[in-house]
């Protein structure tokens, strides 16, 4: 609701170090309740948009809303797909090495299906792909 009302949002990459605090923000709070106050996470002002981002997050994106797509019929498992344009991104200096993000330092996590499922995104592998030089 807040994203729909303001037209902007911050997307914060979650590291395992603050996963419990992140999970506490998954509650459906009324719009007037601050997730920062409830979770203990640190609010940091964005530079291009008028919202806060998570200070503990080593990567954050400041975004302008393009579209919200409702997925499902409101039953469990339903939700919303929020699409936006990144207008500014923040990357902690200690993560960026040789043009790449160091996943071992970031320790990102992801949400899986089910009420309590999460995963570590740390098992990296490479597959060589051919690039068409004519395009």
C-alpha atoms as a PDB file:
ATOM      1  CA  UNK A   1       0.000   0.000   0.000  1.00  0.00           C
ATOM      2  CA  UNK A   2       2.796   2.446   0.856  1.00  0.00           C
ATOM      3  CA  UNK A   3       4.527   1.784  -2.490  1.00  0.00           C
ATOM      4  CA  UNK A   4       1.263   2.323  -4.345  1.00  0.00           C
ATOM      5  CA  UNK A   5       0.610   5.581  -2.479  1.00  0.00           C
ATOM      6  CA  UNK A   6       4.114   7.063  -2.836  1.00  0.00           C
ATOM      7  CA  UNK A   7       5.165   5.676  -6.227  1.00  0.00           C
ATOM      8  CA  UNK A   8       8.691   4.953  -4.937  1.00  0.00           C
ATOM      9  CA  UNK A   9      10.435   2.244  -2.934  1.00  0.00           C
ATOM     10  CA  UNK A  10      13.839   1.022  -1.767  1.00  0.00           C
ATOM     11  CA  UNK A  11      14.833  -2.563  -2.443  1.00  0.00           C
ATOM     12  CA  UNK A  12      17.420  -3.869   0.017  1.00  0.00           C
ATOM     13  CA  UNK A  13      19.507  -7.014  -0.470  1.00  0.00           C
ATOM     14  CA  UNK A  14      19.358  -9.031   2.742  1.00  0.00           C
ATOM     15  CA  UNK A  15      22.510 -10.585   4.205  1.00  0.00           C
ATOM     16  CA  UNK A  16      22.365 -13.511   6.588  1.00  0.00           C
ATOM     17  CA  UNK A  17      23.711 -11.299   9.406  1.00  0.00           C
ATOM     18  CA  UNK A  18      20.387  -9.462   9.727  1.00  0.00           C
ATOM     19  CA  UNK A  19      17.978 -12.163   8.537  1.00  0.00           C
ATOM     20  CA  UNK A  20      16.018 -12.369  11.838  1.00  0.00           C
ATOM     21  CA  UNK A  21      15.337  -8.624  11.754  1.00  0.00           C
ATOM     22  CA  UNK A  22      14.270  -8.877   8.107  1.00  0.00           C
ATOM     23  CA  UNK A  23      11.838 -11.684   8.899  1.00  0.00           C
ATOM     24  CA  UNK A  24      10.167  -9.492  11.526  1.00  0.00           C
ATOM     25  CA  UNK A  25       9.263  -7.003   8.757  1.00  0.00           C
ATOM     26  CA  UNK A  26       7.255  -9.682   6.906  1.00  0.00           C
ATOM     27  CA  UNK A  27       4.305  -9.009   9.213  1.00  0.00           C
ATOM     28  CA  UNK A  28       1.443  -7.141   7.567  1.00  0.00           C
ATOM     29  CA  UNK A  29       1.704  -3.961   9.618  1.00  0.00           C
ATOM     30  CA  UNK A  30      -0.840  -1.155   9.185  1.00  0.00           C
ATOM     31  CA  UNK A  31       0.574   1.642   6.957  1.00  0.00           C
ATOM     32  CA  UNK A  32       1.155   3.908   9.977  1.00  0.00           C
ATOM     33  CA  UNK A  33       3.417   1.382  11.787  1.00  0.00           C
ATOM     34  CA  UNK A  34       7.152   1.682  11.072  1.00  0.00           C
ATOM     35  CA  UNK A  35       8.854  -1.579  10.126  1.00  0.00           C
ATOM     36  CA  UNK A  36      12.121   0.061  11.218  1.00  0.00           C
ATOM     37  CA  UNK A  37      10.783   0.600  14.747  1.00  0.00           C
ATOM     38  CA  UNK A  38       9.387  -2.933  14.932  1.00  0.00           C
ATOM     39  CA  UNK A  39      12.521  -4.661  13.573  1.00  0.00           C
ATOM     40  CA  UNK A  40      15.328  -2.561  15.048  1.00  0.00           C
ATOM     41  CA  UNK A  41      16.838  -2.065  11.573  1.00  0.00           C
ATOM     42  CA  UNK A  42      18.486   1.294  10.861  1.00  0.00           C
ATOM     43  CA  UNK A  43      16.670   3.742   8.557  1.00  0.00           C
ATOM     44  CA  UNK A  44      18.904   5.690   6.149  1.00  0.00           C
ATOM     45  CA  UNK A  45      17.579   8.442   3.883  1.00  0.00           C
ATOM     46  CA  UNK A  46      17.607   7.733   0.165  1.00  0.00           C
ATOM     47  CA  UNK A  47      19.199  10.327  -2.108  1.00  0.00           C
ATOM     48  CA  UNK A  48      16.874  10.383  -5.132  1.00  0.00           C
ATOM     49  CA  UNK A  49      13.544   9.306  -3.636  1.00  0.00           C
ATOM     50  CA  UNK A  50      11.674  10.232  -0.467  1.00  0.00           C
ATOM     51  CA  UNK A  51      11.800   6.946   1.481  1.00  0.00           C
ATOM     52  CA  UNK A  52      14.225   5.211   3.802  1.00  0.00           C
ATOM     53  CA  UNK A  53      16.507   2.299   2.958  1.00  0.00           C
ATOM     54  CA  UNK A  54      17.984  -0.273   5.358  1.00  0.00           C
ATOM     55  CA  UNK A  55      21.337   0.810   6.781  1.00  0.00           C
ATOM     56  CA  UNK A  56      22.439  -2.773   7.424  1.00  0.00           C
ATOM     57  CA  UNK A  57      21.970  -3.683   3.760  1.00  0.00           C
ATOM     58  CA  UNK A  58      25.248  -3.686   1.809  1.00  0.00           C
ATOM     59  CA  UNK A  59      23.347  -3.275  -1.486  1.00  0.00           C
ATOM     60  CA  UNK A  60      20.222  -1.124  -1.901  1.00  0.00           C
ATOM     61  CA  UNK A  61      18.303   0.126  -4.915  1.00  0.00           C
ATOM     62  CA  UNK A  62      16.264   3.333  -4.995  1.00  0.00           C
ATOM     63  CA  UNK A  63      13.322   2.715  -7.330  1.00  0.00           C
ATOM     64  CA  UNK A  64      10.387   4.484  -8.955  1.00  0.00           C
ATOM     65  CA  UNK A  65       7.237   2.394  -9.320  1.00  0.00           C
ATOM     66  CA  UNK A  66       6.233   1.238 -12.800  1.00  0.00           C
ATOM     67  CA  UNK A  67       3.545  -1.324 -12.106  1.00  0.00           C
ATOM     68  CA  UNK A  68       2.047  -3.554  -9.424  1.00  0.00           C
ATOM     69  CA  UNK A  69       0.672  -6.880 -10.652  1.00  0.00           C
ATOM     70  CA  UNK A  70      -1.585  -8.927  -8.400  1.00  0.00           C
ATOM     71  CA  UNK A  71      -0.678 -12.613  -8.405  1.00  0.00           C
ATOM     72  CA  UNK A  72      -3.340 -15.096  -7.311  1.00  0.00           C
ATOM     73  CA  UNK A  73      -6.794 -14.620  -5.871  1.00  0.00           C
ATOM     74  CA  UNK A  74      -6.002 -13.442  -2.355  1.00  0.00           C
ATOM     75  CA  UNK A  75      -5.705 -16.962  -0.944  1.00  0.00           C
ATOM     76  CA  UNK A  76      -2.515 -18.147   0.803  1.00  0.00           C
ATOM     77  CA  UNK A  77       0.394 -17.976  -1.626  1.00  0.00           C
ATOM     78  CA  UNK A  78      -1.041 -14.958  -3.432  1.00  0.00           C
ATOM     79  CA  UNK A  79       0.797 -11.670  -3.514  1.00  0.00           C
ATOM     80  CA  UNK A  80       2.019  -8.826  -5.666  1.00  0.00           C
ATOM     81  CA  UNK A  81       4.799  -8.424  -8.208  1.00  0.00           C
ATOM     82  CA  UNK A  82       6.218  -4.901  -7.911  1.00  0.00           C
ATOM     83  CA  UNK A  83       8.079  -3.570 -10.967  1.00  0.00           C
ATOM     84  CA  UNK A  84      10.167  -0.423 -10.811  1.00  0.00           C
ATOM     85  CA  UNK A  85      12.974   1.528 -12.416  1.00  0.00           C
ATOM     86  CA  UNK A  86      16.231   1.775 -10.475  1.00  0.00           C
ATOM     87  CA  UNK A  87      17.185   5.449 -10.196  1.00  0.00           C
ATOM     88  CA  UNK A  88      20.195   4.973  -7.897  1.00  0.00           C
ATOM     89  CA  UNK A  89      21.965   2.031  -6.303  1.00  0.00           C
ATOM     90  CA  UNK A  90      24.205   1.772  -3.261  1.00  0.00           C
ATOM     91  CA  UNK A  91      26.972  -0.840  -2.950  1.00  0.00           C
ATOM     92  CA  UNK A  92      29.223  -1.084   0.092  1.00  0.00           C
ATOM     93  CA  UNK A  93      32.842  -0.435  -0.946  1.00  0.00           C
ATOM     94  CA  UNK A  94      34.111  -3.617   0.706  1.00  0.00           C
ATOM     95  CA  UNK A  95      31.937  -5.800  -1.573  1.00  0.00           C
ATOM     96  CA  UNK A  96      33.174  -4.607  -4.941  1.00  0.00           C
ATOM     97  CA  UNK A  97      36.337  -6.285  -6.264  1.00  0.00           C
ATOM     98  CA  UNK A  98      37.578  -6.454  -9.869  1.00  0.00           C
ATOM     99  CA  UNK A  99      34.214  -5.375 -11.254  1.00  0.00           C
ATOM    100  CA  UNK A 100      32.286  -8.015  -9.328  1.00  0.00           C
ATOM    101  CA  UNK A 101      30.319  -8.332  -6.101  1.00  0.00           C
ATOM    102  CA  UNK A 102      32.029 -10.631  -3.570  1.00  0.00           C
ATOM    103  CA  UNK A 103      29.230 -13.020  -2.557  1.00  0.00           C
ATOM    104  CA  UNK A 104      31.211 -14.371   0.397  1.00  0.00           C
ATOM    105  CA  UNK A 105      31.273 -10.891   1.923  1.00  0.00           C
ATOM    106  CA  UNK A 106      27.664 -10.114   1.001  1.00  0.00           C
ATOM    107  CA  UNK A 107      26.208 -13.432   2.251  1.00  0.00           C
ATOM    108  CA  UNK A 108      22.850 -12.841   0.525  1.00  0.00           C
ATOM    109  CA  UNK A 109      19.818 -14.924   1.380  1.00  0.00           C
ATOM    110  CA  UNK A 110      16.636 -15.678  -0.531  1.00  0.00           C
ATOM    111  CA  UNK A 111      13.071 -16.586   0.348  1.00  0.00           C
ATOM    112  CA  UNK A 112      11.709 -20.002  -0.593  1.00  0.00           C
ATOM    113  CA  UNK A 113       8.164 -21.316  -0.742  1.00  0.00           C
ATOM    114  CA  UNK A 114       6.447 -21.983   2.542  1.00  0.00           C
ATOM    115  CA  UNK A 115       6.156 -19.979   5.699  1.00  0.00           C
ATOM    116  CA  UNK A 116       9.718 -20.322   6.985  1.00  0.00           C
ATOM    117  CA  UNK A 117      11.906 -21.306   4.025  1.00  0.00           C
ATOM    118  CA  UNK A 118      15.068 -19.348   3.202  1.00  0.00           C
ATOM    119  CA  UNK A 119      18.291 -20.188   1.376  1.00  0.00           C
ATOM    120  CA  UNK A 120      21.883 -19.024   1.244  1.00  0.00           C
ATOM    121  CA  UNK A 121      22.987 -17.736  -2.163  1.00  0.00           C
ATOM    122  CA  UNK A 122      26.631 -18.705  -1.958  1.00  0.00           C
ATOM    123  CA  UNK A 123      27.229 -21.753  -4.141  1.00  0.00           C
ATOM    124  CA  UNK A 124      28.487 -20.048  -7.310  1.00  0.00           C
ATOM    125  CA  UNK A 125      29.381 -21.835 -10.545  1.00  0.00           C
ATOM    126  CA  UNK A 126      30.163 -20.740 -14.088  1.00  0.00           C
ATOM    127  CA  UNK A 127      29.034 -21.937 -17.505  1.00  0.00           C
ATOM    128  CA  UNK A 128      30.731 -20.512 -20.571  1.00  0.00           C
ATOM    129  CA  UNK A 129      28.323 -19.028 -23.083  1.00  0.00           C
ATOM    130  CA  UNK A 130      28.921 -18.016 -26.646  1.00  0.00           C
ATOM    131  CA  UNK A 131      28.215 -14.418 -27.542  1.00  0.00           C
ATOM    132  CA  UNK A 132      27.047 -13.511 -31.038  1.00  0.00           C
ATOM    133  CA  UNK A 133      29.480 -10.767 -32.175  1.00  0.00           C
ATOM    134  CA  UNK A 134      27.011  -9.543 -34.827  1.00  0.00           C
ATOM    135  CA  UNK A 135      24.505  -8.245 -32.282  1.00  0.00           C
END
